[in-house]
Amino acid sequence: MEEQELLTSVDAKLKAEFGDAIISAEMMREFPVFTIKKDKIVDVIKFLYDDPEMEFRFLTDLCGIHFPDNKGQELGVVYHLHNMPKNWRIRLRIFFSVNDAVVPTLTTVFSAANWQERETYDFYGIVFKGHPNMIRIMNVDDMTGFPLRKEFPLEDQNREDKNDSMFGR
């Protein structure tokens, strides 16, 4: 099945099942991409997993994104799903306010989402409600910021051993 056909087929099934919870469906760089309402993301993914025609039973990736200029939808999560027997790949995404960075955990569908959600929390500050162990996974426990958010400083502000005059400053 061509990517455009896959987009149309998945979009029709999702809209029939979830209606206005499907915000958009589009091709991005020859890849079917669906934007979903945050509170319905787990239901949509579970449907795509269970549906006998769709069978998206492999979570390829889950990651955070940050667009600080997109007011009210600064943060998001992107989910990449794969139907291995048919070699279909799709991308789902959700967006939400930086002030409401709580989304439902996907560990109830894919146990492999555990570490990916922890990494997303660690780097973006997105909390996955219902996650069995929502703690940092890569950064130190007492870190206060989220290093992949765009407001995070590029240089370590706590260093005392750096001589800026050596760098022309």
C-alpha atoms as a PDB file:
ATOM      1  CA  MET A   1       0.000   0.000   0.000  1.00  0.00           C
ATOM      2  CA  GLU A   2       1.349   3.417  -0.943  1.00  0.00           C
ATOM      3  CA  GLU A   3       1.836   5.993   1.812  1.00  0.00           C
ATOM      4  CA  GLN A   4      -1.008   8.194   0.569  1.00  0.00           C
ATOM      5  CA  GLU A   5      -3.366   5.209   0.527  1.00  0.00           C
ATOM      6  CA  LEU A   6      -2.237   4.285   4.023  1.00  0.00           C
ATOM      7  CA  LEU A   7      -2.924   7.835   5.196  1.00  0.00           C
ATOM      8  CA  THR A   8      -6.431   7.741   3.729  1.00  0.00           C
ATOM      9  CA  SER A   9      -7.190   4.274   5.081  1.00  0.00           C
ATOM     10  CA  VAL A  10      -5.981   4.954   8.635  1.00  0.00           C
ATOM     11  CA  ASP A  11      -7.624   8.393   8.659  1.00  0.00           C
ATOM     12  CA  ALA A  12     -10.998   6.910   7.665  1.00  0.00           C
ATOM     13  CA  LYS A  13     -10.809   4.245  10.381  1.00  0.00           C
ATOM     14  CA  LEU A  14      -9.735   6.723  13.063  1.00  0.00           C
ATOM     15  CA  LYS A  15     -12.387   9.299  12.172  1.00  0.00           C
ATOM     16  CA  ALA A  16     -15.079   6.603  12.144  1.00  0.00           C
ATOM     17  CA  GLU A  17     -14.011   5.445  15.608  1.00  0.00           C
ATOM     18  CA  PHE A  18     -12.896   8.703  17.267  1.00  0.00           C
ATOM     19  CA  GLY A  19     -14.498  11.539  15.278  1.00  0.00           C
ATOM     20  CA  ASP A  20     -13.207  14.980  16.219  1.00  0.00           C
ATOM     21  CA  ALA A  21     -10.410  13.524  18.403  1.00  0.00           C
ATOM     22  CA  ILE A  22      -8.484  13.315  15.119  1.00  0.00           C
ATOM     23  CA  ILE A  23      -7.287  16.880  14.582  1.00  0.00           C
ATOM     24  CA  SER A  24      -5.463  16.360  11.288  1.00  0.00           C
ATOM     25  CA  ALA A  25      -4.047  13.801   8.891  1.00  0.00           C
ATOM     26  CA  GLU A  26      -1.338  14.779   6.439  1.00  0.00           C
ATOM     27  CA  MET A  27       1.693  13.560   4.555  1.00  0.00           C
ATOM     28  CA  MET A  28       4.956  14.971   5.859  1.00  0.00           C
ATOM     29  CA  ARG A  29       8.048  14.004   3.885  1.00  0.00           C
ATOM     30  CA  GLU A  30       6.254  10.961   2.448  1.00  0.00           C
ATOM     31  CA  PHE A  31       5.181   9.842   5.925  1.00  0.00           C
ATOM     32  CA  PRO A  32       1.560   9.613   7.180  1.00  0.00           C
ATOM     33  CA  VAL A  33       1.200  11.892  10.231  1.00  0.00           C
ATOM     34  CA  PHE A  34      -1.871  12.162  12.467  1.00  0.00           C
ATOM     35  CA  THR A  35      -2.421  14.828  15.093  1.00  0.00           C
ATOM     36  CA  ILE A  36      -4.601  13.545  17.934  1.00  0.00           C
ATOM     37  CA  LYS A  37      -6.212  15.163  20.968  1.00  0.00           C
ATOM     38  CA  LYS A  38      -4.037  14.535  24.014  1.00  0.00           C
ATOM     39  CA  ASP A  39      -6.669  12.799  26.135  1.00  0.00           C
ATOM     40  CA  LYS A  40      -7.431  10.259  23.368  1.00  0.00           C
ATOM     41  CA  ILE A  41      -3.898   9.236  22.367  1.00  0.00           C
ATOM     42  CA  VAL A  42      -3.790   5.963  24.326  1.00  0.00           C
ATOM     43  CA  ASP A  43      -7.258   4.968  23.098  1.00  0.00           C
ATOM     44  CA  VAL A  44      -6.236   5.662  19.496  1.00  0.00           C
ATOM     45  CA  ILE A  45      -3.002   3.682  19.808  1.00  0.00           C
ATOM     46  CA  LYS A  46      -4.790   0.789  21.524  1.00  0.00           C
ATOM     47  CA  PHE A  47      -7.349   0.782  18.683  1.00  0.00           C
ATOM     48  CA  LEU A  48      -4.557   0.723  16.067  1.00  0.00           C
ATOM     49  CA  TYR A  49      -2.913  -2.127  17.989  1.00  0.00           C
ATOM     50  CA  ASP A  50      -6.089  -4.233  18.317  1.00  0.00           C
ATOM     51  CA  ASP A  51      -7.738  -3.582  14.946  1.00  0.00           C
ATOM     52  CA  PRO A  52      -7.288  -6.721  12.771  1.00  0.00           C
ATOM     53  CA  GLU A  53      -6.638  -4.674   9.629  1.00  0.00           C
ATOM     54  CA  MET A  54      -4.282  -2.097  11.149  1.00  0.00           C
ATOM     55  CA  GLU A  55      -2.192  -4.206  13.587  1.00  0.00           C
ATOM     56  CA  PHE A  56       0.279  -1.478  14.584  1.00  0.00           C
ATOM     57  CA  ARG A  57       1.942  -3.600  17.239  1.00  0.00           C
ATOM     58  CA  PHE A  58       5.441  -2.157  17.361  1.00  0.00           C
ATOM     59  CA  LEU A  59       6.317   1.147  19.025  1.00  0.00           C
ATOM     60  CA  THR A  60       9.369   2.257  17.088  1.00  0.00           C
ATOM     61  CA  ASP A  61       9.885   5.482  19.005  1.00  0.00           C
ATOM     62  CA  LEU A  62       8.320   7.958  21.382  1.00  0.00           C
ATOM     63  CA  CYS A  63       9.881  11.370  21.941  1.00  0.00           C
ATOM     64  CA  GLY A  64       9.156  14.894  23.102  1.00  0.00           C
ATOM     65  CA  ILE A  65       9.187  18.081  21.052  1.00  0.00           C
ATOM     66  CA  HIS A  66       9.282  21.743  22.063  1.00  0.00           C
ATOM     67  CA  PHE A  67       8.051  24.705  20.027  1.00  0.00           C
ATOM     68  CA  PRO A  68       8.167  27.672  22.450  1.00  0.00           C
ATOM     69  CA  ASP A  69       6.586  30.083  19.936  1.00  0.00           C
ATOM     70  CA  ASN A  70       3.490  27.886  19.500  1.00  0.00           C
ATOM     71  CA  LYS A  71       1.482  29.462  22.343  1.00  0.00           C
ATOM     72  CA  GLY A  72      -0.767  27.017  24.162  1.00  0.00           C
ATOM     73  CA  GLN A  73       0.824  24.070  22.377  1.00  0.00           C
ATOM     74  CA  GLU A  74       4.491  24.524  23.187  1.00  0.00           C
ATOM     75  CA  LEU A  75       5.172  20.874  24.025  1.00  0.00           C
ATOM     76  CA  GLY A  76       4.269  17.657  22.285  1.00  0.00           C
ATOM     77  CA  VAL A  77       4.906  13.949  22.093  1.00  0.00           C
ATOM     78  CA  VAL A  78       5.499  12.058  18.852  1.00  0.00           C
ATOM     79  CA  TYR A  79       4.759   8.330  18.570  1.00  0.00           C
ATOM     80  CA  HIS A  80       6.080   6.193  15.695  1.00  0.00           C
ATOM     81  CA  LEU A  81       4.168   2.963  15.112  1.00  0.00           C
ATOM     82  CA  HIS A  82       4.968   0.093  12.777  1.00  0.00           C
ATOM     83  CA  ASN A  83       2.929  -2.774  11.371  1.00  0.00           C
ATOM     84  CA  MET A  84       5.756  -5.197  10.663  1.00  0.00           C
ATOM     85  CA  PRO A  85       3.938  -7.841   8.563  1.00  0.00           C
ATOM     86  CA  LYS A  86       2.696  -5.174   6.129  1.00  0.00           C
ATOM     87  CA  ASN A  87       5.652  -2.817   6.651  1.00  0.00           C
ATOM     88  CA  TRP A  88       3.364   0.148   7.352  1.00  0.00           C
ATOM     89  CA  ARG A  89       4.691   3.047   9.376  1.00  0.00           C
ATOM     90  CA  ILE A  90       2.765   5.975  10.789  1.00  0.00           C
ATOM     91  CA  ARG A  91       3.449   8.877  13.113  1.00  0.00           C
ATOM     92  CA  LEU A  92       1.013  10.160  15.732  1.00  0.00           C
ATOM     93  CA  ARG A  93       1.526  13.380  17.632  1.00  0.00           C
ATOM     94  CA  ILE A  94      -0.118  15.373  20.368  1.00  0.00           C
ATOM     95  CA  PHE A  95       0.434  18.974  21.450  1.00  0.00           C
ATOM     96  CA  PHE A  96      -0.270  20.736  24.748  1.00  0.00           C
ATOM     97  CA  SER A  97       0.625  23.712  26.889  1.00  0.00           C
ATOM     98  CA  VAL A  98       3.879  23.831  28.803  1.00  0.00           C
ATOM     99  CA  ASN A  99       1.670  24.542  31.852  1.00  0.00           C
ATOM    100  CA  ASP A 100      -0.223  21.272  31.354  1.00  0.00           C
ATOM    101  CA  ALA A 101       2.618  18.881  30.522  1.00  0.00           C
ATOM    102  CA  VAL A 102       0.868  15.732  31.721  1.00  0.00           C
ATOM    103  CA  VAL A 103      -0.136  12.976  29.291  1.00  0.00           C
ATOM    104  CA  PRO A 104      -1.379   9.418  29.858  1.00  0.00           C
ATOM    105  CA  THR A 105       1.247   6.686  29.883  1.00  0.00           C
ATOM    106  CA  LEU A 106       1.488   4.288  26.973  1.00  0.00           C
ATOM    107  CA  THR A 107       3.033   1.552  29.146  1.00  0.00           C
ATOM    108  CA  THR A 108      -0.436  -0.004  29.394  1.00  0.00           C
ATOM    109  CA  VAL A 109      -0.186  -0.854  25.679  1.00  0.00           C
ATOM    110  CA  PHE A 110       3.578  -1.112  25.091  1.00  0.00           C
ATOM    111  CA  SER A 111       5.813  -2.032  28.016  1.00  0.00           C
ATOM    112  CA  ALA A 112       8.733  -0.731  25.922  1.00  0.00           C
ATOM    113  CA  ALA A 113       7.330   2.781  26.324  1.00  0.00           C
ATOM    114  CA  ASN A 114       8.674   2.737  29.893  1.00  0.00           C
ATOM    115  CA  TRP A 115      12.198   3.973  29.195  1.00  0.00           C
ATOM    116  CA  GLN A 116      11.142   6.194  26.294  1.00  0.00           C
ATOM    117  CA  GLU A 117       8.643   8.016  28.516  1.00  0.00           C
ATOM    118  CA  ARG A 118      11.248   8.383  31.252  1.00  0.00           C
ATOM    119  CA  GLU A 119      13.699   9.854  28.745  1.00  0.00           C
ATOM    120  CA  THR A 120      11.035  12.264  27.476  1.00  0.00           C
ATOM    121  CA  TYR A 121      10.302  13.318  31.054  1.00  0.00           C
ATOM    122  CA  ASP A 122      14.005  13.697  31.780  1.00  0.00           C
ATOM    123  CA  PHE A 123      14.712  15.958  28.797  1.00  0.00           C
ATOM    124  CA  TYR A 124      11.399  17.820  28.306  1.00  0.00           C
ATOM    125  CA  GLY A 125       9.600  17.677  31.669  1.00  0.00           C
ATOM    126  CA  ILE A 126       6.569  15.890  30.228  1.00  0.00           C
ATOM    127  CA  VAL A 127       4.974  13.746  32.946  1.00  0.00           C
ATOM    128  CA  PHE A 128       3.331  10.483  31.885  1.00  0.00           C
ATOM    129  CA  LYS A 129       0.415   9.924  34.244  1.00  0.00           C
ATOM    130  CA  GLY A 130       0.163   6.318  35.407  1.00  0.00           C
ATOM    131  CA  HIS A 131       3.778   5.503  34.554  1.00  0.00           C
ATOM    132  CA  PRO A 132       5.150   2.877  36.978  1.00  0.00           C
ATOM    133  CA  ASN A 133       8.454   4.689  37.681  1.00  0.00           C
ATOM    134  CA  MET A 134       8.409   8.312  36.515  1.00  0.00           C
ATOM    135  CA  ILE A 135      11.951   9.347  37.491  1.00  0.00           C
ATOM    136  CA  ARG A 136      14.919  10.671  35.563  1.00  0.00           C
ATOM    137  CA  ILE A 137      16.785   8.080  33.535  1.00  0.00           C
ATOM    138  CA  MET A 138      19.812   9.879  32.034  1.00  0.00           C
ATOM    139  CA  ASN A 139      20.388  13.103  33.968  1.00  0.00           C
ATOM    140  CA  VAL A 140      21.253  13.461  37.651  1.00  0.00           C
ATOM    141  CA  ASP A 141      18.324  13.206  40.044  1.00  0.00           C
ATOM    142  CA  ASP A 142      18.772  16.697  41.514  1.00  0.00           C
ATOM    143  CA  MET A 143      18.760  18.447  38.130  1.00  0.00           C
ATOM    144  CA  THR A 144      16.121  21.175  38.060  1.00  0.00           C
ATOM    145  CA  GLY A 145      15.815  21.914  34.341  1.00  0.00           C
ATOM    146  CA  PHE A 146      14.992  20.015  31.190  1.00  0.00           C
ATOM    147  CA  PRO A 147      17.931  20.215  28.765  1.00  0.00           C
ATOM    148  CA  LEU A 148      16.099  19.700  25.457  1.00  0.00           C
ATOM    149  CA  ARG A 149      13.704  22.576  26.019  1.00  0.00           C
ATOM    150  CA  LYS A 150      14.818  25.544  24.009  1.00  0.00           C
ATOM    151  CA  GLU A 151      15.029  27.878  27.011  1.00  0.00           C
ATOM    152  CA  PHE A 152      17.709  25.680  28.609  1.00  0.00           C
ATOM    153  CA  PRO A 153      21.096  27.497  28.543  1.00  0.00           C
ATOM    154  CA  LEU A 154      23.620  26.102  26.078  1.00  0.00           C
ATOM    155  CA  GLU A 155      26.484  26.575  28.509  1.00  0.00           C
ATOM    156  CA  ASP A 156      26.731  25.409  32.087  1.00  0.00           C
ATOM    157  CA  GLN A 157      26.091  28.525  34.178  1.00  0.00           C
ATOM    158  CA  ASN A 158      27.572  26.892  37.284  1.00  0.00           C
ATOM    159  CA  ARG A 159      31.095  26.381  35.988  1.00  0.00           C
ATOM    160  CA  GLU A 160      33.800  28.316  37.806  1.00  0.00           C
ATOM    161  CA  ASP A 161      36.794  26.883  35.951  1.00  0.00           C
ATOM    162  CA  LYS A 162      35.986  28.508  32.597  1.00  0.00           C
ATOM    163  CA  ASN A 163      37.963  31.580  31.545  1.00  0.00           C
ATOM    164  CA  ASP A 164      35.821  33.466  28.997  1.00  0.00           C
ATOM    165  CA  SER A 165      38.745  35.677  27.959  1.00  0.00           C
ATOM    166  CA  MET A 166      40.255  32.616  26.255  1.00  0.00           C
ATOM    167  CA  PHE A 167      37.228  32.504  23.961  1.00  0.00           C
ATOM    168  CA  GLY A 168      37.277  36.148  22.899  1.00  0.00           C
ATOM    169  CA  ARG A 169      34.630  37.237  25.412  1.00  0.00           C
END
